[in-house]
Amino acid sequence: MAGPCPGCKGTGAVNCPICEGSGLDPKAAETTFDAPECNYCDGLGEIPCPDCDGAGEAG
């Protein structure tokens, strides 16, 4: 076993780089209190880790 992925610490996910984990569209959040979901992560606030493709394990 290779151990946990250093990019996501074994969780398989990382914060969305667009909304920084909020799940909200950052451009809309600046102008309204009822911001729509982030399109990049579908409002989840996280994406599969690009280092391990969401597996959570190193190489």
PDB file of N, CA and C in Angstrom:
ATOM      1  N   MET A   1       0.838  -1.184   0.000  1.00  0.00           N
ATOM      2  CA  MET A   1       0.000   0.000   0.000  1.00  0.00           C
ATOM      3  C   MET A   1       0.879   1.242   0.000  1.00  0.00           C
ATOM      4  N   ALA A   2       0.513   2.210  -0.814  1.00  0.00           N
ATOM      5  CA  ALA A   2       1.337   3.398  -0.989  1.00  0.00           C
ATOM      6  C   ALA A   2       1.112   4.453   0.081  1.00  0.00           C
ATOM      7  N   GLY A   3       0.039   4.405   0.819  1.00  0.00           N
ATOM      8  CA  GLY A   3      -0.263   5.406   1.836  1.00  0.00           C
ATOM      9  C   GLY A   3      -1.184   6.491   1.302  1.00  0.00           C
ATOM     10  N   PRO A   4      -1.577   7.416   2.178  1.00  0.00           N
ATOM     11  CA  PRO A   4      -2.500   8.464   1.755  1.00  0.00           C
ATOM     12  C   PRO A   4      -1.853   9.453   0.788  1.00  0.00           C
ATOM     13  N   CYS A   5      -2.649   9.958  -0.101  1.00  0.00           N
ATOM     14  CA  CYS A   5      -2.203  10.957  -1.071  1.00  0.00           C
ATOM     15  C   CYS A   5      -1.820  12.235  -0.319  1.00  0.00           C
ATOM     16  N   PRO A   6      -0.651  12.795  -0.614  1.00  0.00           N
ATOM     17  CA  PRO A   6      -0.268  14.039   0.062  1.00  0.00           C
ATOM     18  C   PRO A   6      -1.093  15.249  -0.378  1.00  0.00           C
ATOM     19  N   GLY A   7      -1.662  15.201  -1.572  1.00  0.00           N
ATOM     20  CA  GLY A   7      -2.456  16.323  -2.069  1.00  0.00           C
ATOM     21  C   GLY A   7      -3.767  16.507  -1.335  1.00  0.00           C
ATOM     22  N   CYS A   8      -4.412  15.401  -0.962  1.00  0.00           N
ATOM     23  CA  CYS A   8      -5.716  15.469  -0.302  1.00  0.00           C
ATOM     24  C   CYS A   8      -5.705  14.847   1.094  1.00  0.00           C
ATOM     25  N   LYS A   9      -4.550  14.377   1.518  1.00  0.00           N
ATOM     26  CA  LYS A   9      -4.390  13.738   2.827  1.00  0.00           C
ATOM     27  C   LYS A   9      -5.302  12.522   2.998  1.00  0.00           C
ATOM     28  N   GLY A  10      -5.541  11.838   1.871  1.00  0.00           N
ATOM     29  CA  GLY A  10      -6.309  10.598   1.907  1.00  0.00           C
ATOM     30  C   GLY A  10      -7.805  10.748   1.779  1.00  0.00           C
ATOM     31  N   THR A  11      -8.315  11.966   1.652  1.00  0.00           N
ATOM     32  CA  THR A  11      -9.766  12.148   1.563  1.00  0.00           C
ATOM     33  C   THR A  11     -10.300  11.935   0.158  1.00  0.00           C
ATOM     34  N   GLY A  12      -9.441  12.096  -0.857  1.00  0.00           N
ATOM     35  CA  GLY A  12      -9.871  11.936  -2.238  1.00  0.00           C
ATOM     36  C   GLY A  12     -10.438  13.198  -2.845  1.00  0.00           C
ATOM     37  N   ALA A  13     -10.527  14.274  -2.060  1.00  0.00           N
ATOM     38  CA  ALA A  13     -11.090  15.530  -2.562  1.00  0.00           C
ATOM     39  C   ALA A  13     -10.274  16.718  -2.056  1.00  0.00           C
ATOM     40  N   VAL A  14     -10.327  17.796  -2.821  1.00  0.00           N
ATOM     41  CA  VAL A  14      -9.683  19.054  -2.433  1.00  0.00           C
ATOM     42  C   VAL A  14     -10.681  20.190  -2.638  1.00  0.00           C
ATOM     43  N   ASN A  15     -10.444  21.314  -1.981  1.00  0.00           N
ATOM     44  CA  ASN A  15     -11.315  22.476  -2.169  1.00  0.00           C
ATOM     45  C   ASN A  15     -11.336  22.889  -3.626  1.00  0.00           C
ATOM     46  N   CYS A  16     -12.481  23.304  -4.073  1.00  0.00           N
ATOM     47  CA  CYS A  16     -12.640  23.798  -5.444  1.00  0.00           C
ATOM     48  C   CYS A  16     -11.768  25.041  -5.624  1.00  0.00           C
ATOM     49  N   PRO A  17     -10.961  25.074  -6.688  1.00  0.00           N
ATOM     50  CA  PRO A  17     -10.088  26.225  -6.894  1.00  0.00           C
ATOM     51  C   PRO A  17     -10.837  27.483  -7.343  1.00  0.00           C
ATOM     52  N   ILE A  18     -12.059  27.336  -7.795  1.00  0.00           N
ATOM     53  CA  ILE A  18     -12.834  28.485  -8.267  1.00  0.00           C
ATOM     54  C   ILE A  18     -13.556  29.169  -7.103  1.00  0.00           C
ATOM     55  N   CYS A  19     -14.282  28.414  -6.305  1.00  0.00           N
ATOM     56  CA  CYS A  19     -15.051  28.998  -5.201  1.00  0.00           C
ATOM     57  C   CYS A  19     -14.325  28.892  -3.860  1.00  0.00           C
ATOM     58  N   GLU A  20     -13.171  28.259  -3.846  1.00  0.00           N
ATOM     59  CA  GLU A  20     -12.348  28.081  -2.645  1.00  0.00           C
ATOM     60  C   GLU A  20     -13.103  27.368  -1.524  1.00  0.00           C
ATOM     61  N   GLY A  21     -13.966  26.427  -1.911  1.00  0.00           N
ATOM     62  CA  GLY A  21     -14.662  25.603  -0.935  1.00  0.00           C
ATOM     63  C   GLY A  21     -16.016  26.106  -0.481  1.00  0.00           C
ATOM     64  N   SER A  22     -16.440  27.277  -0.961  1.00  0.00           N
ATOM     65  CA  SER A  22     -17.727  27.820  -0.508  1.00  0.00           C
ATOM     66  C   SER A  22     -18.910  27.156  -1.201  1.00  0.00           C
ATOM     67  N   GLY A  23     -18.705  26.668  -2.430  1.00  0.00           N
ATOM     68  CA  GLY A  23     -19.793  26.090  -3.196  1.00  0.00           C
ATOM     69  C   GLY A  23     -20.624  27.118  -3.931  1.00  0.00           C
ATOM     70  N   LEU A  24     -20.260  28.399  -3.805  1.00  0.00           N
ATOM     71  CA  LEU A  24     -21.019  29.474  -4.434  1.00  0.00           C
ATOM     72  C   LEU A  24     -20.217  30.119  -5.546  1.00  0.00           C
ATOM     73  N   ASP A  25     -20.912  30.604  -6.557  1.00  0.00           N
ATOM     74  CA  ASP A  25     -20.269  31.304  -7.662  1.00  0.00           C
ATOM     75  C   ASP A  25     -19.609  32.564  -7.104  1.00  0.00           C
ATOM     76  N   PRO A  26     -18.281  32.660  -7.165  1.00  0.00           N
ATOM     77  CA  PRO A  26     -17.592  33.790  -6.534  1.00  0.00           C
ATOM     78  C   PRO A  26     -17.920  35.145  -7.149  1.00  0.00           C
ATOM     79  N   LYS A  27     -18.203  35.207  -8.431  1.00  0.00           N
ATOM     80  CA  LYS A  27     -18.544  36.477  -9.068  1.00  0.00           C
ATOM     81  C   LYS A  27     -19.927  36.943  -8.628  1.00  0.00           C
ATOM     82  N   ALA A  28     -20.865  36.033  -8.517  1.00  0.00           N
ATOM     83  CA  ALA A  28     -22.208  36.389  -8.084  1.00  0.00           C
ATOM     84  C   ALA A  28     -22.229  36.697  -6.587  1.00  0.00           C
ATOM     85  N   ALA A  29     -21.382  36.049  -5.810  1.00  0.00           N
ATOM     86  CA  ALA A  29     -21.345  36.266  -4.364  1.00  0.00           C
ATOM     87  C   ALA A  29     -20.922  37.695  -4.024  1.00  0.00           C
ATOM     88  N   GLU A  30     -20.192  38.333  -4.922  1.00  0.00           N
ATOM     89  CA  GLU A  30     -19.762  39.710  -4.687  1.00  0.00           C
ATOM     90  C   GLU A  30     -20.911  40.698  -4.838  1.00  0.00           C
ATOM     91  N   THR A  31     -21.951  40.332  -5.580  1.00  0.00           N
ATOM     92  CA  THR A  31     -23.007  41.282  -5.897  1.00  0.00           C
ATOM     93  C   THR A  31     -24.364  40.950  -5.288  1.00  0.00           C
ATOM     94  N   THR A  32     -24.524  39.763  -4.737  1.00  0.00           N
ATOM     95  CA  THR A  32     -25.835  39.384  -4.186  1.00  0.00           C
ATOM     96  C   THR A  32     -25.654  38.454  -2.990  1.00  0.00           C
ATOM     97  N   PHE A  33     -26.628  38.484  -2.099  1.00  0.00           N
ATOM     98  CA  PHE A  33     -26.569  37.594  -0.939  1.00  0.00           C
ATOM     99  C   PHE A  33     -27.071  36.198  -1.285  1.00  0.00           C
ATOM    100  N   ASP A  34     -27.804  36.077  -2.384  1.00  0.00           N
ATOM    101  CA  ASP A  34     -28.358  34.795  -2.804  1.00  0.00           C
ATOM    102  C   ASP A  34     -27.585  34.301  -4.032  1.00  0.00           C
ATOM    103  N   ALA A  35     -26.302  34.015  -3.836  1.00  0.00           N
ATOM    104  CA  ALA A  35     -25.425  33.627  -4.944  1.00  0.00           C
ATOM    105  C   ALA A  35     -25.764  32.224  -5.445  1.00  0.00           C
ATOM    106  N   PRO A  36     -25.694  32.024  -6.763  1.00  0.00           N
ATOM    107  CA  PRO A  36     -25.917  30.681  -7.316  1.00  0.00           C
ATOM    108  C   PRO A  36     -24.728  29.762  -7.029  1.00  0.00           C
ATOM    109  N   GLU A  37     -24.958  28.477  -7.235  1.00  0.00           N
ATOM    110  CA  GLU A  37     -23.905  27.483  -7.017  1.00  0.00           C
ATOM    111  C   GLU A  37     -22.747  27.681  -7.978  1.00  0.00           C
ATOM    112  N   CYS A  38     -21.570  27.292  -7.543  1.00  0.00           N
ATOM    113  CA  CYS A  38     -20.382  27.287  -8.398  1.00  0.00           C
ATOM    114  C   CYS A  38     -20.576  26.229  -9.484  1.00  0.00           C
ATOM    115  N   ASN A  39     -20.382  26.617 -10.726  1.00  0.00           N
ATOM    116  CA  ASN A  39     -20.552  25.675 -11.835  1.00  0.00           C
ATOM    117  C   ASN A  39     -19.423  24.660 -11.907  1.00  0.00           C
ATOM    118  N   TYR A  40     -18.242  25.015 -11.427  1.00  0.00           N
ATOM    119  CA  TYR A  40     -17.085  24.132 -11.552  1.00  0.00           C
ATOM    120  C   TYR A  40     -17.227  22.895 -10.658  1.00  0.00           C
ATOM    121  N   CYS A  41     -17.740  23.086  -9.440  1.00  0.00           N
ATOM    122  CA  CYS A  41     -17.861  21.955  -8.511  1.00  0.00           C
ATOM    123  C   CYS A  41     -19.316  21.564  -8.257  1.00  0.00           C
ATOM    124  N   ASP A  42     -20.246  22.153  -9.009  1.00  0.00           N
ATOM    125  CA  ASP A  42     -21.684  21.899  -8.846  1.00  0.00           C
ATOM    126  C   ASP A  42     -22.180  22.218  -7.436  1.00  0.00           C
ATOM    127  N   GLY A  43     -21.564  23.217  -6.804  1.00  0.00           N
ATOM    128  CA  GLY A  43     -22.001  23.651  -5.485  1.00  0.00           C
ATOM    129  C   GLY A  43     -21.503  22.803  -4.332  1.00  0.00           C
ATOM    130  N   LEU A  44     -20.669  21.821  -4.606  1.00  0.00           N
ATOM    131  CA  LEU A  44     -20.168  20.944  -3.549  1.00  0.00           C
ATOM    132  C   LEU A  44     -19.042  21.577  -2.733  1.00  0.00           C
ATOM    133  N   GLY A  45     -18.313  22.507  -3.337  1.00  0.00           N
ATOM    134  CA  GLY A  45     -17.200  23.134  -2.639  1.00  0.00           C
ATOM    135  C   GLY A  45     -15.908  22.340  -2.726  1.00  0.00           C
ATOM    136  N   GLU A  46     -15.971  21.175  -3.338  1.00  0.00           N
ATOM    137  CA  GLU A  46     -14.775  20.361  -3.505  1.00  0.00           C
ATOM    138  C   GLU A  46     -14.825  19.599  -4.820  1.00  0.00           C
ATOM    139  N   ILE A  47     -13.655  19.184  -5.263  1.00  0.00           N
ATOM    140  CA  ILE A  47     -13.521  18.417  -6.496  1.00  0.00           C
ATOM    141  C   ILE A  47     -12.655  17.202  -6.208  1.00  0.00           C
ATOM    142  N   PRO A  48     -12.705  16.168  -7.051  1.00  0.00           N
ATOM    143  CA  PRO A  48     -11.788  15.034  -6.868  1.00  0.00           C
ATOM    144  C   PRO A  48     -10.341  15.514  -6.915  1.00  0.00           C
ATOM    145  N   CYS A  49      -9.535  14.980  -6.055  1.00  0.00           N
ATOM    146  CA  CYS A  49      -8.127  15.366  -5.990  1.00  0.00           C
ATOM    147  C   CYS A  49      -7.443  15.074  -7.323  1.00  0.00           C
ATOM    148  N   PRO A  50      -6.804  16.092  -7.934  1.00  0.00           N
ATOM    149  CA  PRO A  50      -6.136  15.866  -9.214  1.00  0.00           C
ATOM    150  C   PRO A  50      -4.869  15.022  -9.093  1.00  0.00           C
ATOM    151  N   ASP A  51      -4.297  14.925  -7.890  1.00  0.00           N
ATOM    152  CA  ASP A  51      -3.079  14.135  -7.708  1.00  0.00           C
ATOM    153  C   ASP A  51      -3.347  12.637  -7.692  1.00  0.00           C
ATOM    154  N   CYS A  52      -4.496  12.237  -7.149  1.00  0.00           N
ATOM    155  CA  CYS A  52      -4.807  10.804  -7.043  1.00  0.00           C
ATOM    156  C   CYS A  52      -6.093  10.431  -7.761  1.00  0.00           C
ATOM    157  N   ASP A  53      -6.660  11.360  -8.506  1.00  0.00           N
ATOM    158  CA  ASP A  53      -7.924  11.147  -9.225  1.00  0.00           C
ATOM    159  C   ASP A  53      -9.055  10.718  -8.288  1.00  0.00           C
ATOM    160  N   GLY A  54      -9.031  11.208  -7.069  1.00  0.00           N
ATOM    161  CA  GLY A  54     -10.103  10.923  -6.108  1.00  0.00           C
ATOM    162  C   GLY A  54      -9.954   9.629  -5.355  1.00  0.00           C
ATOM    163  N   ALA A  55      -8.863   8.887  -5.572  1.00  0.00           N
ATOM    164  CA  ALA A  55      -8.684   7.601  -4.906  1.00  0.00           C
ATOM    165  C   ALA A  55      -8.269   7.745  -3.447  1.00  0.00           C
ATOM    166  N   GLY A  56      -7.582   8.842  -3.115  1.00  0.00           N
ATOM    167  CA  GLY A  56      -7.132   9.048  -1.745  1.00  0.00           C
ATOM    168  C   GLY A  56      -5.824   8.363  -1.408  1.00  0.00           C
ATOM    169  N   GLU A  57      -5.247   7.650  -2.364  1.00  0.00           N
ATOM    170  CA  GLU A  57      -3.993   6.939  -2.109  1.00  0.00           C
ATOM    171  C   GLU A  57      -2.886   7.456  -3.011  1.00  0.00           C
ATOM    172  N   ALA A  58      -1.695   7.527  -2.483  1.00  0.00           N
ATOM    173  CA  ALA A  58      -0.545   7.997  -3.244  1.00  0.00           C
ATOM    174  C   ALA A  58      -0.145   6.978  -4.306  1.00  0.00           C
ATOM    175  N   GLY A  59       0.269   7.528  -5.444  1.00  0.00           N
ATOM    176  CA  GLY A  59       0.807   6.816  -6.582  1.00  0.00           C
ATOM    177  C   GLY A  59       0.720   5.383  -6.622  1.00  0.00           C
TER     178      GLY A  59
END
